[in-house]
Amino acid sequence: MHRWNEDTIGNIRVEYLHRMQRVYDKEIERMQEIIDNSHDNKEISTATKRKEKLQKQIKEAKDYDAKIAHLALARIGIDLDDGVKVNYEKVQTAPDGKKMQILAKI
């Protein structure tokens, strides 16, 4: 919380989350190439399982991205004197009052 500023959620979204989504997409494409071009049933089975897992992970990342998009645009700042519980609530509440659980429970 001591390093938090108005751009923290936006930075997490762009620098980490969007980057991870691109990695997942490329890995899914790679698994699809293995499925399409391999003649080894074990390799195809492994690639299929990996692709399904990656698709679940990218769905989770996109759902999280949708949650934090509004909070990132709101550029929410904190006051360390308010305490952790108050600041946790503050950074998870959009300007319209909608609460989104984006941080781990304390």
PDB file of N, CA and C in Angstrom:
ATOM      1  N   MET A   1       0.819  -1.191   0.000  1.00  0.00           N
ATOM      2  CA  MET A   1       0.000   0.000   0.000  1.00  0.00           C
ATOM      3  C   MET A   1       0.872   1.269   0.000  1.00  0.00           C
ATOM      4  N   HIS A   2       2.092   1.173   0.502  1.00  0.00           N
ATOM      5  CA  HIS A   2       2.931   2.363   0.583  1.00  0.00           C
ATOM      6  C   HIS A   2       3.370   2.864  -0.787  1.00  0.00           C
ATOM      7  N   ARG A   3       3.380   1.995  -1.763  1.00  0.00           N
ATOM      8  CA  ARG A   3       3.802   2.398  -3.111  1.00  0.00           C
ATOM      9  C   ARG A   3       2.617   2.663  -4.032  1.00  0.00           C
ATOM     10  N   TRP A   4       1.432   2.626  -3.513  1.00  0.00           N
ATOM     11  CA  TRP A   4       0.216   2.804  -4.312  1.00  0.00           C
ATOM     12  C   TRP A   4       0.110   4.250  -4.778  1.00  0.00           C
ATOM     13  N   ASN A   5      -0.285   4.433  -6.036  1.00  0.00           N
ATOM     14  CA  ASN A   5      -0.628   5.768  -6.526  1.00  0.00           C
ATOM     15  C   ASN A   5      -1.816   5.641  -7.478  1.00  0.00           C
ATOM     16  N   GLU A   6      -2.237   6.745  -8.057  1.00  0.00           N
ATOM     17  CA  GLU A   6      -3.433   6.758  -8.900  1.00  0.00           C
ATOM     18  C   GLU A   6      -3.310   5.873 -10.145  1.00  0.00           C
ATOM     19  N   ASP A   7      -2.095   5.588 -10.554  1.00  0.00           N
ATOM     20  CA  ASP A   7      -1.877   4.817 -11.779  1.00  0.00           C
ATOM     21  C   ASP A   7      -1.601   3.330 -11.534  1.00  0.00           C
ATOM     22  N   THR A   8      -1.620   2.895 -10.313  1.00  0.00           N
ATOM     23  CA  THR A   8      -1.239   1.515  -9.999  1.00  0.00           C
ATOM     24  C   THR A   8      -2.120   0.495 -10.702  1.00  0.00           C
ATOM     25  N   ILE A   9      -3.435   0.639 -10.620  1.00  0.00           N
ATOM     26  CA  ILE A   9      -4.326  -0.342 -11.257  1.00  0.00           C
ATOM     27  C   ILE A   9      -4.149  -0.309 -12.775  1.00  0.00           C
ATOM     28  N   GLY A  10      -4.034   0.880 -13.347  1.00  0.00           N
ATOM     29  CA  GLY A  10      -3.812   0.990 -14.788  1.00  0.00           C
ATOM     30  C   GLY A  10      -2.511   0.344 -15.214  1.00  0.00           C
ATOM     31  N   ASN A  11      -1.467   0.537 -14.412  1.00  0.00           N
ATOM     32  CA  ASN A  11      -0.170  -0.080 -14.726  1.00  0.00           C
ATOM     33  C   ASN A  11      -0.253  -1.595 -14.639  1.00  0.00           C
ATOM     34  N   ILE A  12      -0.930  -2.108 -13.623  1.00  0.00           N
ATOM     35  CA  ILE A  12      -1.099  -3.555 -13.498  1.00  0.00           C
ATOM     36  C   ILE A  12      -1.825  -4.088 -14.722  1.00  0.00           C
ATOM     37  N   ARG A  13      -2.849  -3.372 -15.127  1.00  0.00           N
ATOM     38  CA  ARG A  13      -3.672  -3.805 -16.253  1.00  0.00           C
ATOM     39  C   ARG A  13      -2.857  -3.846 -17.551  1.00  0.00           C
ATOM     40  N   VAL A  14      -2.137  -2.788 -17.832  1.00  0.00           N
ATOM     41  CA  VAL A  14      -1.403  -2.682 -19.099  1.00  0.00           C
ATOM     42  C   VAL A  14      -0.084  -3.452 -19.070  1.00  0.00           C
ATOM     43  N   GLU A  15       0.687  -3.271 -18.005  1.00  0.00           N
ATOM     44  CA  GLU A  15       2.029  -3.844 -17.951  1.00  0.00           C
ATOM     45  C   GLU A  15       2.025  -5.340 -17.661  1.00  0.00           C
ATOM     46  N   TYR A  16       1.025  -5.824 -16.945  1.00  0.00           N
ATOM     47  CA  TYR A  16       1.017  -7.228 -16.584  1.00  0.00           C
ATOM     48  C   TYR A  16      -0.118  -8.000 -17.237  1.00  0.00           C
ATOM     49  N   LEU A  17      -1.339  -7.576 -16.989  1.00  0.00           N
ATOM     50  CA  LEU A  17      -2.498  -8.354 -17.416  1.00  0.00           C
ATOM     51  C   LEU A  17      -2.600  -8.463 -18.935  1.00  0.00           C
ATOM     52  N   HIS A  18      -2.471  -7.356 -19.641  1.00  0.00           N
ATOM     53  CA  HIS A  18      -2.556  -7.410 -21.106  1.00  0.00           C
ATOM     54  C   HIS A  18      -1.383  -8.191 -21.698  1.00  0.00           C
ATOM     55  N   ARG A  19      -0.223  -8.065 -21.087  1.00  0.00           N
ATOM     56  CA  ARG A  19       0.948  -8.816 -21.544  1.00  0.00           C
ATOM     57  C   ARG A  19       0.714 -10.318 -21.370  1.00  0.00           C
ATOM     58  N   MET A  20       0.136 -10.706 -20.230  1.00  0.00           N
ATOM     59  CA  MET A  20      -0.155 -12.122 -19.987  1.00  0.00           C
ATOM     60  C   MET A  20      -1.201 -12.649 -20.970  1.00  0.00           C
ATOM     61  N   GLN A  21      -2.177 -11.831 -21.301  1.00  0.00           N
ATOM     62  CA  GLN A  21      -3.194 -12.252 -22.269  1.00  0.00           C
ATOM     63  C   GLN A  21      -2.558 -12.541 -23.624  1.00  0.00           C
ATOM     64  N   ARG A  22      -1.605 -11.714 -24.032  1.00  0.00           N
ATOM     65  CA  ARG A  22      -0.917 -11.948 -25.301  1.00  0.00           C
ATOM     66  C   ARG A  22      -0.096 -13.239 -25.251  1.00  0.00           C
ATOM     67  N   VAL A  23       0.546 -13.499 -24.121  1.00  0.00           N
ATOM     68  CA  VAL A  23       1.320 -14.737 -23.961  1.00  0.00           C
ATOM     69  C   VAL A  23       0.388 -15.940 -24.050  1.00  0.00           C
ATOM     70  N   TYR A  24      -0.752 -15.873 -23.367  1.00  0.00           N
ATOM     71  CA  TYR A  24      -1.722 -16.965 -23.432  1.00  0.00           C
ATOM     72  C   TYR A  24      -2.194 -17.189 -24.865  1.00  0.00           C
ATOM     73  N   ASP A  25      -2.510 -16.114 -25.576  1.00  0.00           N
ATOM     74  CA  ASP A  25      -2.966 -16.239 -26.966  1.00  0.00           C
ATOM     75  C   ASP A  25      -1.924 -16.924 -27.843  1.00  0.00           C
ATOM     76  N   LYS A  26      -0.664 -16.516 -27.714  1.00  0.00           N
ATOM     77  CA  LYS A  26       0.399 -17.111 -28.528  1.00  0.00           C
ATOM     78  C   LYS A  26       0.605 -18.582 -28.182  1.00  0.00           C
ATOM     79  N   GLU A  27       0.500 -18.911 -26.897  1.00  0.00           N
ATOM     80  CA  GLU A  27       0.673 -20.303 -26.489  1.00  0.00           C
ATOM     81  C   GLU A  27      -0.494 -21.165 -26.972  1.00  0.00           C
ATOM     82  N   ILE A  28      -1.696 -20.612 -26.962  1.00  0.00           N
ATOM     83  CA  ILE A  28      -2.859 -21.339 -27.498  1.00  0.00           C
ATOM     84  C   ILE A  28      -2.660 -21.606 -28.990  1.00  0.00           C
ATOM     85  N   GLU A  29      -2.168 -20.607 -29.713  1.00  0.00           N
ATOM     86  CA  GLU A  29      -1.884 -20.791 -31.138  1.00  0.00           C
ATOM     87  C   GLU A  29      -0.837 -21.888 -31.348  1.00  0.00           C
ATOM     88  N   ARG A  30       0.185 -21.903 -30.494  1.00  0.00           N
ATOM     89  CA  ARG A  30       1.233 -22.907 -30.606  1.00  0.00           C
ATOM     90  C   ARG A  30       0.677 -24.304 -30.342  1.00  0.00           C
ATOM     91  N   MET A  31      -0.186 -24.418 -29.341  1.00  0.00           N
ATOM     92  CA  MET A  31      -0.796 -25.714 -29.046  1.00  0.00           C
ATOM     93  C   MET A  31      -1.688 -26.167 -30.198  1.00  0.00           C
ATOM     94  N   GLN A  32      -2.383 -25.233 -30.833  1.00  0.00           N
ATOM     95  CA  GLN A  32      -3.240 -25.570 -31.964  1.00  0.00           C
ATOM     96  C   GLN A  32      -2.406 -26.067 -33.145  1.00  0.00           C
ATOM     97  N   GLU A  33      -1.239 -25.468 -33.357  1.00  0.00           N
ATOM     98  CA  GLU A  33      -0.345 -25.933 -34.421  1.00  0.00           C
ATOM     99  C   GLU A  33       0.117 -27.357 -34.158  1.00  0.00           C
ATOM    100  N   ILE A  34       0.429 -27.659 -32.909  1.00  0.00           N
ATOM    101  CA  ILE A  34       0.843 -29.022 -32.563  1.00  0.00           C
ATOM    102  C   ILE A  34      -0.302 -29.990 -32.828  1.00  0.00           C
ATOM    103  N   ILE A  35      -1.512 -29.607 -32.422  1.00  0.00           N
ATOM    104  CA  ILE A  35      -2.678 -30.464 -32.637  1.00  0.00           C
ATOM    105  C   ILE A  35      -2.905 -30.705 -34.123  1.00  0.00           C
ATOM    106  N   ASP A  36      -2.789 -29.651 -34.920  1.00  0.00           N
ATOM    107  CA  ASP A  36      -3.038 -29.749 -36.362  1.00  0.00           C
ATOM    108  C   ASP A  36      -1.955 -30.508 -37.121  1.00  0.00           C
ATOM    109  N   ASN A  37      -0.709 -30.404 -36.661  1.00  0.00           N
ATOM    110  CA  ASN A  37       0.405 -30.920 -37.461  1.00  0.00           C
ATOM    111  C   ASN A  37       1.077 -32.173 -36.920  1.00  0.00           C
ATOM    112  N   SER A  38       0.762 -32.577 -35.724  1.00  0.00           N
ATOM    113  CA  SER A  38       1.436 -33.728 -35.134  1.00  0.00           C
ATOM    114  C   SER A  38       0.748 -35.034 -35.536  1.00  0.00           C
ATOM    115  N   HIS A  39       1.544 -36.092 -35.564  1.00  0.00           N
ATOM    116  CA  HIS A  39       1.014 -37.422 -35.852  1.00  0.00           C
ATOM    117  C   HIS A  39       1.112 -38.316 -34.616  1.00  0.00           C
ATOM    118  N   ASP A  40       1.638 -37.759 -33.545  1.00  0.00           N
ATOM    119  CA  ASP A  40       1.805 -38.496 -32.292  1.00  0.00           C
ATOM    120  C   ASP A  40       0.595 -38.245 -31.391  1.00  0.00           C
ATOM    121  N   ASN A  41      -0.166 -39.297 -31.103  1.00  0.00           N
ATOM    122  CA  ASN A  41      -1.392 -39.144 -30.312  1.00  0.00           C
ATOM    123  C   ASN A  41      -1.133 -38.608 -28.903  1.00  0.00           C
ATOM    124  N   LYS A  42      -0.018 -39.020 -28.296  1.00  0.00           N
ATOM    125  CA  LYS A  42       0.318 -38.536 -26.953  1.00  0.00           C
ATOM    126  C   LYS A  42       0.591 -37.037 -26.982  1.00  0.00           C
ATOM    127  N   GLU A  43       1.318 -36.602 -27.987  1.00  0.00           N
ATOM    128  CA  GLU A  43       1.630 -35.180 -28.128  1.00  0.00           C
ATOM    129  C   GLU A  43       0.359 -34.371 -28.385  1.00  0.00           C
ATOM    130  N   ILE A  44      -0.532 -34.892 -29.187  1.00  0.00           N
ATOM    131  CA  ILE A  44      -1.808 -34.222 -29.468  1.00  0.00           C
ATOM    132  C   ILE A  44      -2.648 -34.134 -28.200  1.00  0.00           C
ATOM    133  N   SER A  45      -2.688 -35.208 -27.445  1.00  0.00           N
ATOM    134  CA  SER A  45      -3.456 -35.230 -26.203  1.00  0.00           C
ATOM    135  C   SER A  45      -2.905 -34.218 -25.193  1.00  0.00           C
ATOM    136  N   THR A  46      -1.601 -34.177 -25.061  1.00  0.00           N
ATOM    137  CA  THR A  46      -0.963 -33.227 -24.143  1.00  0.00           C
ATOM    138  C   THR A  46      -1.237 -31.789 -24.581  1.00  0.00           C
ATOM    139  N   ALA A  47      -1.113 -31.525 -25.864  1.00  0.00           N
ATOM    140  CA  ALA A  47      -1.361 -30.183 -26.388  1.00  0.00           C
ATOM    141  C   ALA A  47      -2.820 -29.772 -26.208  1.00  0.00           C
ATOM    142  N   THR A  48      -3.735 -30.721 -26.372  1.00  0.00           N
ATOM    143  CA  THR A  48      -5.158 -30.430 -26.201  1.00  0.00           C
ATOM    144  C   THR A  48      -5.461 -30.056 -24.757  1.00  0.00           C
ATOM    145  N   LYS A  49      -4.900 -30.809 -23.823  1.00  0.00           N
ATOM    146  CA  LYS A  49      -5.106 -30.505 -22.402  1.00  0.00           C
ATOM    147  C   LYS A  49      -4.511 -29.153 -22.040  1.00  0.00           C
ATOM    148  N   ARG A  50      -3.323 -28.895 -22.550  1.00  0.00           N
ATOM    149  CA  ARG A  50      -2.655 -27.607 -22.276  1.00  0.00           C
ATOM    150  C   ARG A  50      -3.470 -26.460 -22.863  1.00  0.00           C
ATOM    151  N   LYS A  51      -3.987 -26.642 -24.062  1.00  0.00           N
ATOM    152  CA  LYS A  51      -4.782 -25.604 -24.716  1.00  0.00           C
ATOM    153  C   LYS A  51      -6.044 -25.311 -23.904  1.00  0.00           C
ATOM    154  N   GLU A  52      -6.708 -26.357 -23.426  1.00  0.00           N
ATOM    155  CA  GLU A  52      -7.924 -26.165 -22.616  1.00  0.00           C
ATOM    156  C   GLU A  52      -7.612 -25.411 -21.330  1.00  0.00           C
ATOM    157  N   LYS A  53      -6.497 -25.749 -20.691  1.00  0.00           N
ATOM    158  CA  LYS A  53      -6.091 -25.052 -19.469  1.00  0.00           C
ATOM    159  C   LYS A  53      -5.805 -23.577 -19.757  1.00  0.00           C
ATOM    160  N   LEU A  54      -5.105 -23.320 -20.850  1.00  0.00           N
ATOM    161  CA  LEU A  54      -4.784 -21.945 -21.237  1.00  0.00           C
ATOM    162  C   LEU A  54      -6.045 -21.144 -21.563  1.00  0.00           C
ATOM    163  N   GLN A  55      -7.016 -21.786 -22.190  1.00  0.00           N
ATOM    164  CA  GLN A  55      -8.268 -21.095 -22.507  1.00  0.00           C
ATOM    165  C   GLN A  55      -9.003 -20.695 -21.236  1.00  0.00           C
ATOM    166  N   LYS A  56      -8.954 -21.536 -20.214  1.00  0.00           N
ATOM    167  CA  LYS A  56      -9.560 -21.180 -18.928  1.00  0.00           C
ATOM    168  C   LYS A  56      -8.817 -20.020 -18.283  1.00  0.00           C
ATOM    169  N   GLN A  57      -7.487 -20.051 -18.384  1.00  0.00           N
ATOM    170  CA  GLN A  57      -6.685 -18.985 -17.797  1.00  0.00           C
ATOM    171  C   GLN A  57      -6.924 -17.651 -18.503  1.00  0.00           C
ATOM    172  N   ILE A  58      -7.032 -17.672 -19.810  1.00  0.00           N
ATOM    173  CA  ILE A  58      -7.251 -16.419 -20.531  1.00  0.00           C
ATOM    174  C   ILE A  58      -8.657 -15.887 -20.252  1.00  0.00           C
ATOM    175  N   LYS A  59      -9.629 -16.768 -20.079  1.00  0.00           N
ATOM    176  CA  LYS A  59     -10.975 -16.325 -19.725  1.00  0.00           C
ATOM    177  C   LYS A  59     -10.960 -15.646 -18.359  1.00  0.00           C
ATOM    178  N   GLU A  60     -10.250 -16.237 -17.410  1.00  0.00           N
ATOM    179  CA  GLU A  60     -10.132 -15.646 -16.078  1.00  0.00           C
ATOM    180  C   GLU A  60      -9.451 -14.281 -16.153  1.00  0.00           C
ATOM    181  N   ALA A  61      -8.394 -14.180 -16.949  1.00  0.00           N
ATOM    182  CA  ALA A  61      -7.686 -12.912 -17.103  1.00  0.00           C
ATOM    183  C   ALA A  61      -8.577 -11.849 -17.727  1.00  0.00           C
ATOM    184  N   LYS A  62      -9.370 -12.226 -18.716  1.00  0.00           N
ATOM    185  CA  LYS A  62     -10.272 -11.262 -19.363  1.00  0.00           C
ATOM    186  C   LYS A  62     -11.398 -10.832 -18.423  1.00  0.00           C
ATOM    187  N   ASP A  63     -11.897 -11.759 -17.610  1.00  0.00           N
ATOM    188  CA  ASP A  63     -12.914 -11.401 -16.621  1.00  0.00           C
ATOM    189  C   ASP A  63     -12.347 -10.412 -15.603  1.00  0.00           C
ATOM    190  N   TYR A  64     -11.126 -10.658 -15.153  1.00  0.00           N
ATOM    191  CA  TYR A  64     -10.466  -9.754 -14.209  1.00  0.00           C
ATOM    192  C   TYR A  64     -10.205  -8.403 -14.854  1.00  0.00           C
ATOM    193  N   ASP A  65      -9.809  -8.418 -16.109  1.00  0.00           N
ATOM    194  CA  ASP A  65      -9.573  -7.180 -16.846  1.00  0.00           C
ATOM    195  C   ASP A  65     -10.843  -6.338 -16.923  1.00  0.00           C
ATOM    196  N   ALA A  66     -11.965  -6.991 -17.154  1.00  0.00           N
ATOM    197  CA  ALA A  66     -13.241  -6.261 -17.214  1.00  0.00           C
ATOM    198  C   ALA A  66     -13.564  -5.622 -15.863  1.00  0.00           C
ATOM    199  N   LYS A  67     -13.209  -6.312 -14.778  1.00  0.00           N
ATOM    200  CA  LYS A  67     -13.457  -5.767 -13.447  1.00  0.00           C
ATOM    201  C   LYS A  67     -12.610  -4.525 -13.175  1.00  0.00           C
ATOM    202  N   ILE A  68     -11.330  -4.621 -13.500  1.00  0.00           N
ATOM    203  CA  ILE A  68     -10.453  -3.525 -13.109  1.00  0.00           C
ATOM    204  C   ILE A  68     -10.424  -2.362 -14.096  1.00  0.00           C
ATOM    205  N   ALA A  69     -11.038  -2.535 -15.255  1.00  0.00           N
ATOM    206  CA  ALA A  69     -11.015  -1.455 -16.253  1.00  0.00           C
ATOM    207  C   ALA A  69     -11.618  -0.169 -15.697  1.00  0.00           C
ATOM    208  N   HIS A  70     -12.769  -0.275 -15.039  1.00  0.00           N
ATOM    209  CA  HIS A  70     -13.427   0.920 -14.482  1.00  0.00           C
ATOM    210  C   HIS A  70     -12.593   1.534 -13.367  1.00  0.00           C
ATOM    211  N   LEU A  71     -11.996   0.681 -12.560  1.00  0.00           N
ATOM    212  CA  LEU A  71     -11.183   1.184 -11.454  1.00  0.00           C
ATOM    213  C   LEU A  71      -9.903   1.847 -11.978  1.00  0.00           C
ATOM    214  N   ALA A  72      -9.352   1.318 -13.055  1.00  0.00           N
ATOM    215  CA  ALA A  72      -8.135   1.910 -13.624  1.00  0.00           C
ATOM    216  C   ALA A  72      -8.424   3.306 -14.180  1.00  0.00           C
ATOM    217  N   LEU A  73      -9.569   3.444 -14.832  1.00  0.00           N
ATOM    218  CA  LEU A  73      -9.931   4.749 -15.386  1.00  0.00           C
ATOM    219  C   LEU A  73     -10.264   5.771 -14.294  1.00  0.00           C
ATOM    220  N   ALA A  74     -10.685   5.283 -13.138  1.00  0.00           N
ATOM    221  CA  ALA A  74     -11.042   6.182 -12.038  1.00  0.00           C
ATOM    222  C   ALA A  74      -9.806   6.784 -11.367  1.00  0.00           C
ATOM    223  N   ARG A  75      -8.642   6.143 -11.553  1.00  0.00           N
ATOM    224  CA  ARG A  75      -7.379   6.631 -10.976  1.00  0.00           C
ATOM    225  C   ARG A  75      -7.550   6.947  -9.486  1.00  0.00           C
ATOM    226  N   ILE A  76      -7.851   5.930  -8.723  1.00  0.00           N
ATOM    227  CA  ILE A  76      -8.138   6.064  -7.297  1.00  0.00           C
ATOM    228  C   ILE A  76      -6.841   6.191  -6.506  1.00  0.00           C
ATOM    229  N   GLY A  77      -6.773   7.214  -5.687  1.00  0.00           N
ATOM    230  CA  GLY A  77      -5.627   7.417  -4.806  1.00  0.00           C
ATOM    231  C   GLY A  77      -5.981   6.982  -3.400  1.00  0.00           C
ATOM    232  N   ILE A  78      -4.958   6.849  -2.552  1.00  0.00           N
ATOM    233  CA  ILE A  78      -5.210   6.450  -1.173  1.00  0.00           C
ATOM    234  C   ILE A  78      -4.527   7.420  -0.225  1.00  0.00           C
ATOM    235  N   ASP A  79      -4.929   7.353   1.033  1.00  0.00           N
ATOM    236  CA  ASP A  79      -4.290   8.115   2.103  1.00  0.00           C
ATOM    237  C   ASP A  79      -3.828   7.103   3.142  1.00  0.00           C
ATOM    238  N   LEU A  80      -2.528   6.962   3.326  1.00  0.00           N
ATOM    239  CA  LEU A  80      -2.000   5.965   4.243  1.00  0.00           C
ATOM    240  C   LEU A  80      -2.501   6.159   5.670  1.00  0.00           C
ATOM    241  N   ASP A  81      -2.847   7.371   6.026  1.00  0.00           N
ATOM    242  CA  ASP A  81      -3.347   7.629   7.371  1.00  0.00           C
ATOM    243  C   ASP A  81      -4.721   7.003   7.610  1.00  0.00           C
ATOM    244  N   ASP A  82      -5.429   6.635   6.548  1.00  0.00           N
ATOM    245  CA  ASP A  82      -6.753   6.026   6.696  1.00  0.00           C
ATOM    246  C   ASP A  82      -6.674   4.572   7.149  1.00  0.00           C
ATOM    247  N   GLY A  83      -5.565   3.922   6.950  1.00  0.00           N
ATOM    248  CA  GLY A  83      -5.418   2.520   7.338  1.00  0.00           C
ATOM    249  C   GLY A  83      -5.678   1.590   6.170  1.00  0.00           C
ATOM    250  N   VAL A  84      -5.261   0.352   6.325  1.00  0.00           N
ATOM    251  CA  VAL A  84      -5.326  -0.628   5.253  1.00  0.00           C
ATOM    252  C   VAL A  84      -6.774  -0.974   4.891  1.00  0.00           C
ATOM    253  N   LYS A  85      -7.610  -1.239   5.891  1.00  0.00           N
ATOM    254  CA  LYS A  85      -8.988  -1.653   5.594  1.00  0.00           C
ATOM    255  C   LYS A  85      -9.745  -0.580   4.815  1.00  0.00           C
ATOM    256  N   VAL A  86      -9.599   0.661   5.201  1.00  0.00           N
ATOM    257  CA  VAL A  86     -10.285   1.756   4.509  1.00  0.00           C
ATOM    258  C   VAL A  86      -9.751   1.891   3.088  1.00  0.00           C
ATOM    259  N   ASN A  87      -8.445   1.806   2.932  1.00  0.00           N
ATOM    260  CA  ASN A  87      -7.842   1.940   1.603  1.00  0.00           C
ATOM    261  C   ASN A  87      -8.191   0.761   0.703  1.00  0.00           C
ATOM    262  N   TYR A  88      -8.275  -0.452   1.254  1.00  0.00           N
ATOM    263  CA  TYR A  88      -8.705  -1.607   0.469  1.00  0.00           C
ATOM    264  C   TYR A  88     -10.095  -1.364  -0.102  1.00  0.00           C
ATOM    265  N   GLU A  89     -10.983  -0.859   0.730  1.00  0.00           N
ATOM    266  CA  GLU A  89     -12.347  -0.553   0.263  1.00  0.00           C
ATOM    267  C   GLU A  89     -12.315   0.537  -0.801  1.00  0.00           C
ATOM    268  N   LYS A  90     -11.499   1.552  -0.554  1.00  0.00           N
ATOM    269  CA  LYS A  90     -11.444   2.693  -1.463  1.00  0.00           C
ATOM    270  C   LYS A  90     -10.991   2.288  -2.865  1.00  0.00           C
ATOM    271  N   VAL A  91      -9.954   1.464  -2.953  1.00  0.00           N
ATOM    272  CA  VAL A  91      -9.423   1.104  -4.267  1.00  0.00           C
ATOM    273  C   VAL A  91     -10.266   0.056  -4.980  1.00  0.00           C
ATOM    274  N   GLN A  92     -11.219  -0.542  -4.286  1.00  0.00           N
ATOM    275  CA  GLN A  92     -12.091  -1.535  -4.900  1.00  0.00           C
ATOM    276  C   GLN A  92     -13.490  -0.992  -5.154  1.00  0.00           C
ATOM    277  N   THR A  93     -13.666   0.314  -4.993  1.00  0.00           N
ATOM    278  CA  THR A  93     -14.964   0.928  -5.199  1.00  0.00           C
ATOM    279  C   THR A  93     -14.878   1.923  -6.350  1.00  0.00           C
ATOM    280  N   ALA A  94     -15.678   1.684  -7.382  1.00  0.00           N
ATOM    281  CA  ALA A  94     -15.713   2.567  -8.552  1.00  0.00           C
ATOM    282  C   ALA A  94     -16.398   3.890  -8.168  1.00  0.00           C
ATOM    283  N   PRO A  95     -16.193   4.932  -8.962  1.00  0.00           N
ATOM    284  CA  PRO A  95     -16.817   6.223  -8.669  1.00  0.00           C
ATOM    285  C   PRO A  95     -18.351   6.156  -8.576  1.00  0.00           C
ATOM    286  N   ASP A  96     -18.963   5.193  -9.269  1.00  0.00           N
ATOM    287  CA  ASP A  96     -20.419   5.064  -9.207  1.00  0.00           C
ATOM    288  C   ASP A  96     -20.875   4.284  -7.979  1.00  0.00           C
ATOM    289  N   GLY A  97     -19.929   3.896  -7.108  1.00  0.00           N
ATOM    290  CA  GLY A  97     -20.266   3.190  -5.877  1.00  0.00           C
ATOM    291  C   GLY A  97     -20.258   1.683  -5.992  1.00  0.00           C
ATOM    292  N   LYS A  98     -20.029   1.162  -7.181  1.00  0.00           N
ATOM    293  CA  LYS A  98     -20.028  -0.286  -7.386  1.00  0.00           C
ATOM    294  C   LYS A  98     -18.741  -0.868  -6.817  1.00  0.00           C
ATOM    295  N   LYS A  99     -18.880  -1.890  -5.957  1.00  0.00           N
ATOM    296  CA  LYS A  99     -17.728  -2.530  -5.329  1.00  0.00           C
ATOM    297  C   LYS A  99     -17.307  -3.751  -6.118  1.00  0.00           C
ATOM    298  N   MET A 100     -16.010  -3.877  -6.346  1.00  0.00           N
ATOM    299  CA  MET A 100     -15.461  -5.003  -7.089  1.00  0.00           C
ATOM    300  C   MET A 100     -14.357  -5.631  -6.267  1.00  0.00           C
ATOM    301  N   GLN A 101     -14.438  -6.915  -6.046  1.00  0.00           N
ATOM    302  CA  GLN A 101     -13.436  -7.632  -5.275  1.00  0.00           C
ATOM    303  C   GLN A 101     -12.244  -7.944  -6.181  1.00  0.00           C
ATOM    304  N   ILE A 102     -11.238  -7.060  -6.173  1.00  0.00           N
ATOM    305  CA  ILE A 102     -10.059  -7.288  -7.013  1.00  0.00           C
ATOM    306  C   ILE A 102      -8.828  -7.641  -6.211  1.00  0.00           C
ATOM    307  N   LEU A 103      -8.860  -7.390  -4.914  1.00  0.00           N
ATOM    308  CA  LEU A 103      -7.728  -7.682  -4.058  1.00  0.00           C
ATOM    309  C   LEU A 103      -8.073  -8.844  -3.139  1.00  0.00           C
ATOM    310  N   ALA A 104      -7.056  -9.500  -2.622  1.00  0.00           N
ATOM    311  CA  ALA A 104      -7.282 -10.600  -1.681  1.00  0.00           C
ATOM    312  C   ALA A 104      -7.911 -10.059  -0.408  1.00  0.00           C
ATOM    313  N   LYS A 105      -8.725 -10.889   0.224  1.00  0.00           N
ATOM    314  CA  LYS A 105      -9.365 -10.481   1.477  1.00  0.00           C
ATOM    315  C   LYS A 105      -8.307 -10.344   2.556  1.00  0.00           C
ATOM    316  N   ILE A 106      -8.538  -9.364   3.425  1.00  0.00           N
ATOM    317  CA  ILE A 106      -7.606  -9.178   4.548  1.00  0.00           C
ATOM    318  C   ILE A 106      -8.256  -9.581   5.842  1.00  0.00           C
TER     319      ILE A 106
END
